[in-house]
Protein backbone atom coordinates (compact mmCIF):
# COMPACT_ATOMS: atom_id res chain seq x y z
CA THR A 1 2.32 -75.37 22.91
CA ASN A 2 3.20 -72.33 24.15
CA THR A 3 -0.19 -70.73 25.55
CA SER A 4 0.03 -67.11 26.01
CA THR A 5 -2.98 -65.01 28.24
CA GLU A 6 -2.74 -61.32 27.40
CA VAL A 7 -3.74 -59.14 30.54
CA VAL A 8 -5.29 -55.83 30.63
CA SER A 9 -4.86 -53.43 33.50
CA ASP A 10 -6.62 -49.95 33.06
CA LEU A 11 -5.62 -47.18 35.47
CA SER A 12 -7.57 -43.12 34.47
CA ILE A 13 -6.46 -40.03 36.32
CA THR A 14 -8.51 -36.85 34.95
CA ASN A 15 -7.45 -32.75 35.83
CA THR A 16 -3.68 -33.57 36.06
CA VAL A 17 -1.36 -30.22 36.45
CA LYS A 18 1.74 -31.97 37.17
CA ASP A 19 3.75 -34.74 35.24
CA GLU A 20 3.48 -37.86 37.00
CA VAL A 21 5.29 -40.75 37.29
CA PHE A 22 3.39 -44.35 37.50
CA ILE A 23 5.38 -47.77 38.19
CA CYS A 24 3.48 -50.34 36.69
CA THR A 25 4.82 -54.47 38.57
CA VAL A 26 3.02 -57.69 36.65
CA ILE A 27 3.30 -60.58 38.89
CA TYR A 28 2.99 -63.27 37.01
CA THR A 29 1.12 -66.70 38.38
CA LEU A 30 3.55 -68.78 38.08
CA GLY A 31 5.83 -66.94 39.44
CA GLY A 32 7.97 -64.02 38.66
CA SER A 33 7.44 -60.16 37.57
CA GLU A 34 8.33 -57.77 35.96
CA THR A 35 8.20 -53.23 36.09
CA GLU A 36 8.30 -50.51 34.60
CA ASN A 37 8.08 -47.01 34.97
CA VAL A 38 5.45 -44.97 33.16
CA THR A 39 5.98 -41.09 32.67
CA LEU A 40 2.28 -39.31 31.83
CA LYS A 41 3.29 -35.54 31.14
CA ALA A 42 0.45 -33.00 31.86
CA LEU A 43 -0.12 -30.26 28.72
CA SER A 44 -0.81 -26.79 30.17
CA ALA A 45 -0.80 -23.45 28.72
CA THR A 46 -0.39 -20.28 29.87
CA VAL A 47 -0.35 -16.39 27.82
CA THR A 48 2.05 -14.33 29.34
CA ALA A 49 3.29 -10.99 27.93
CA ASP A 50 5.90 -8.17 29.09
CA ASN A 51 2.82 -6.25 30.85
CA THR A 52 -1.09 -6.04 31.46
CA THR A 53 -0.97 -2.37 30.65
CA PHE A 54 0.18 -0.23 27.79
CA ASN A 55 -0.46 3.14 26.67
CA SER A 56 -2.12 3.17 23.03
CA PRO A 57 -0.23 2.99 20.39
CA ALA A 58 2.16 0.33 22.02
CA ASN A 59 3.17 -2.96 20.00
CA VAL A 60 1.87 -5.72 21.87
CA THR A 61 3.18 -8.78 22.02
CA LEU A 62 1.06 -12.38 23.97
CA THR A 63 2.97 -15.66 24.43
CA CYS A 64 1.05 -18.91 24.84
CA ASP A 65 3.68 -20.63 26.70
CA TYR A 66 2.76 -24.10 26.99
CA THR A 67 4.32 -27.71 27.58
CA SER A 68 6.92 -28.86 25.31
CA SER A 69 6.41 -32.88 24.23
CA SER A 70 7.17 -34.64 21.06
CA LEU A 71 3.80 -33.49 20.39
CA THR A 72 3.50 -30.50 17.90
CA PRO A 73 0.17 -28.76 18.83
CA THR A 74 -1.74 -25.99 16.92
CA PHE A 75 -3.19 -22.72 17.99
CA SER A 76 -5.96 -20.30 17.92
CA TRP A 77 -6.61 -17.22 19.54
CA SER A 78 -10.21 -15.69 20.65
CA PHE A 79 -10.89 -12.30 22.28
CA GLU A 80 -13.59 -11.68 24.55
CA GLY A 81 -15.01 -15.06 23.86
CA ASN A 82 -14.83 -14.52 19.91
CA THR A 83 -11.89 -15.80 17.71
CA ILE A 84 -9.21 -13.95 15.74
CA PRO A 85 -9.32 -14.77 12.05
CA SER A 86 -6.20 -16.04 10.79
CA VAL A 87 -4.07 -16.35 13.88
CA THR A 88 -2.47 -19.86 14.00
CA GLN A 89 1.00 -19.00 15.61
CA SER A 90 1.77 -19.67 19.36
CA THR A 91 1.97 -15.56 20.11
CA TYR A 92 -0.44 -12.99 18.98
CA THR A 93 1.00 -9.25 18.35
CA ILE A 94 -1.37 -6.24 17.98
CA SER A 95 0.22 -3.84 16.16
CA SER A 96 -0.39 0.10 16.65
CA SER A 97 -2.17 -1.28 20.03
CA VAL A 98 -5.33 1.43 20.39
CA GLY A 99 -8.60 1.23 23.80
CA THR A 100 -10.68 -0.92 21.56
CA ASP A 101 -7.92 -3.66 22.29
CA SER A 102 -8.24 -3.29 26.30
CA GLY A 103 -9.91 -7.35 27.47
CA GLU A 104 -9.50 -10.38 27.37
CA TYR A 105 -7.75 -13.17 25.16
CA ALA A 106 -7.08 -16.75 25.51
CA CYS A 107 -5.02 -19.66 23.19
CA ASN A 108 -6.30 -22.27 22.93
CA VAL A 109 -3.69 -24.99 21.88
CA ASN A 110 -4.43 -28.41 20.24
CA TRP A 111 -2.66 -31.40 21.22
CA PRO A 112 -2.54 -34.71 18.19
CA THR A 113 -4.75 -37.79 20.16
CA VAL A 114 -4.56 -35.98 22.98
CA GLY A 115 -7.10 -32.65 22.89
CA THR A 116 -7.42 -29.23 23.16
CA PHE A 117 -6.14 -26.87 26.25
CA THR A 118 -8.15 -23.39 26.45
CA THR A 119 -5.58 -21.04 28.58
CA ALA A 120 -7.32 -18.52 31.31
CA ASN A 121 -8.36 -15.38 30.12
CA PHE A 122 -5.14 -12.62 29.93
CA VAL A 123 -6.62 -9.28 31.08
CA LEU A 124 -5.04 -6.55 28.64
CA TYR A 125 -5.49 -2.76 29.47
CA ILE A 126 -4.76 -0.47 26.46
CA ARG A 127 -5.05 3.03 27.72
CA GLU A 128 -5.85 5.76 25.36
CA VAL A 129 -8.20 9.67 25.91
CA LEU A 130 -10.46 10.15 22.70
CA ILE A 131 -11.37 13.70 22.34
CA PRO A 132 -14.00 15.19 19.85
CA THR A 133 -12.60 17.48 17.02
CA ALA A 134 -14.60 20.54 17.87
CA THR A 135 -18.34 21.42 19.51
CA TYR A 136 -20.53 24.12 18.50
CA TYR A 137 -22.72 26.71 20.43
CA MET A 138 -25.27 28.87 19.38
CA GLY A 139 -27.11 31.79 20.49
CA ARG A 140 -26.06 34.87 23.08
CA ASP A 141 -27.70 33.83 25.84
CA ILE A 142 -25.38 32.25 27.61
CA VAL A 143 -26.17 28.08 26.83
CA THR A 144 -25.01 25.24 28.35
CA THR A 145 -23.80 22.11 26.25
CA THR A 146 -21.75 18.63 27.10
CA VAL A 147 -18.46 18.24 26.22
CA THR A 148 -18.09 14.14 26.35
CA CYS A 149 -14.04 12.94 26.66
CA THR A 150 -13.36 8.91 26.36
CA GLY A 151 -10.34 6.79 27.90
CA TYR A 152 -9.63 3.03 27.76
CA GLY A 153 -7.66 1.20 30.22
CA ASP A 154 -7.87 0.12 33.63
CA ALA A 155 -9.52 1.74 36.26
CA VAL A 156 -9.48 5.68 36.71
CA SER A 157 -9.73 7.36 39.95
CA GLY A 158 -10.77 10.49 38.80
CA VAL A 159 -10.71 13.52 35.12
CA VAL A 160 -9.96 16.65 35.16
CA TRP A 161 -11.38 19.10 32.82
CA THR A 162 -9.34 22.42 32.38
CA SER A 163 -10.18 25.25 30.80
CA LEU A 164 -7.05 27.16 28.79
CA MET A 165 -9.34 30.48 28.60
CA GLY A 166 -10.09 30.92 32.34
CA THR A 167 -13.23 29.16 32.75
CA ASN A 168 -14.09 27.80 36.13
CA LEU A 169 -15.45 24.38 36.00
CA THR A 170 -15.51 23.93 39.24
CA VAL A 171 -19.07 25.14 39.12
CA MET A 172 -19.73 22.57 36.01
CA THR A 173 -21.55 19.41 36.62
CA ALA A 174 -18.58 16.19 36.01
CA ARG A 175 -19.54 13.04 35.34
CA LEU A 176 -17.45 9.61 35.31
CA GLN A 177 -19.67 6.68 33.83
CA THR A 178 -17.22 2.82 33.29
CA THR A 179 -18.47 0.03 31.59
CA ASN A 180 -15.85 -2.47 31.45
CA TYR A 181 -12.41 -1.17 29.85
CA THR A 182 -14.13 2.39 28.36
CA HIS A 183 -14.93 5.34 30.72
CA GLN A 184 -17.01 8.46 30.06
CA ALA A 185 -16.48 11.48 31.18
CA GLU A 186 -18.90 14.01 30.95
CA LEU A 187 -18.61 17.87 31.20
CA ASP A 188 -22.02 20.02 31.68
CA PHE A 189 -20.37 23.13 30.14
CA GLN A 190 -21.39 26.73 29.87
CA HIS A 191 -20.39 30.00 29.37
CA THR A 192 -20.77 33.51 27.70
CA LEU A 193 -20.54 34.93 24.18
CA ILE A 194 -16.83 33.58 23.92
CA SER A 195 -14.86 31.36 22.42
CA ASP A 196 -13.01 28.52 25.40
CA THR A 197 -10.84 25.77 25.36
CA VAL A 198 -10.67 22.66 27.20
CA THR A 199 -8.88 19.60 28.30
CA CYS A 200 -9.60 16.44 29.95
CA LYS A 201 -7.03 14.20 32.18
CA PHE A 202 -7.25 10.85 32.87
CA ILE A 203 -6.18 9.97 36.05
CA TYR A 204 -5.43 6.21 36.49
CA SER A 205 -5.90 4.55 39.75
CA ALA A 206 -3.28 1.13 39.38
CA ASP A 207 -0.10 4.29 39.66
CA GLY A 208 -1.69 7.47 39.83
CA ALA A 209 -0.45 7.59 35.75
CA GLU A 210 -1.69 11.55 34.11
CA ILE A 211 -3.39 10.75 30.56
CA THR A 212 -4.29 15.08 29.72
CA LYS A 213 -5.93 15.41 25.84
CA GLY A 214 -6.78 18.30 24.43
CA ASN A 215 -7.49 21.25 22.97
CA ILE A 216 -11.42 20.61 22.89
CA THR A 217 -12.64 24.03 20.94
CA LEU A 218 -15.70 25.45 22.03
CA HIS A 219 -16.58 27.26 19.27
CA TYR A 220 -19.41 30.50 19.83
CA ILE A 221 -21.32 31.03 16.43
CA ASP A 222 -23.23 34.37 16.33
CA GLY A 223 -26.52 33.71 16.13
CA GLU A 224 -25.83 30.41 13.27
CA PHE A 225 -25.45 26.62 14.53
CA ALA A 226 -22.26 24.63 12.96
CA SER A 227 -22.83 20.92 12.92
């Protein structure tokens, strides 16, 4: 009668970041041994793109580069921590991107029987500048109103306001407020009995790129208020 005994030996490995080859050797009590190589493949993923900064309305494709293996993974994407509905491919394309598409993107890769790996956040900047269609004034006296110009994307080093009617904007009060990927420039504009037109130019810190938007039409209306 042949009697056999099965001995199980486990090796626990955590936080593996690279492929490893382990050698398992079984030594028999009655002599002899057997050796077998065990390959451990580290599964990981990262989000890439052609660049991190684009000008609106560029088409932007984010790619989830993942470790290839015999397992076929499934994918999901998130933006600012919220799942993007109906996106289940290893690539995610933002068509005609706008400033509000700026933010953090991540890809979740799920390998069957293994689990889900979430990539580090990929920060995408979409540069765009928006202006109001018009600002209206009332009355014959000198009046002051606040004109707002909103920019999106990476850090801004400054905003330049220009008057097409020759008004000296250097004496006006200008402010620039930044929240996450949104930059709001405000100009307290003052003039007398004429209409005027101004433009705002955002200057981005990383490369000095400039985006100018205009024209913001400032209507003077004698004796009435238009909205």
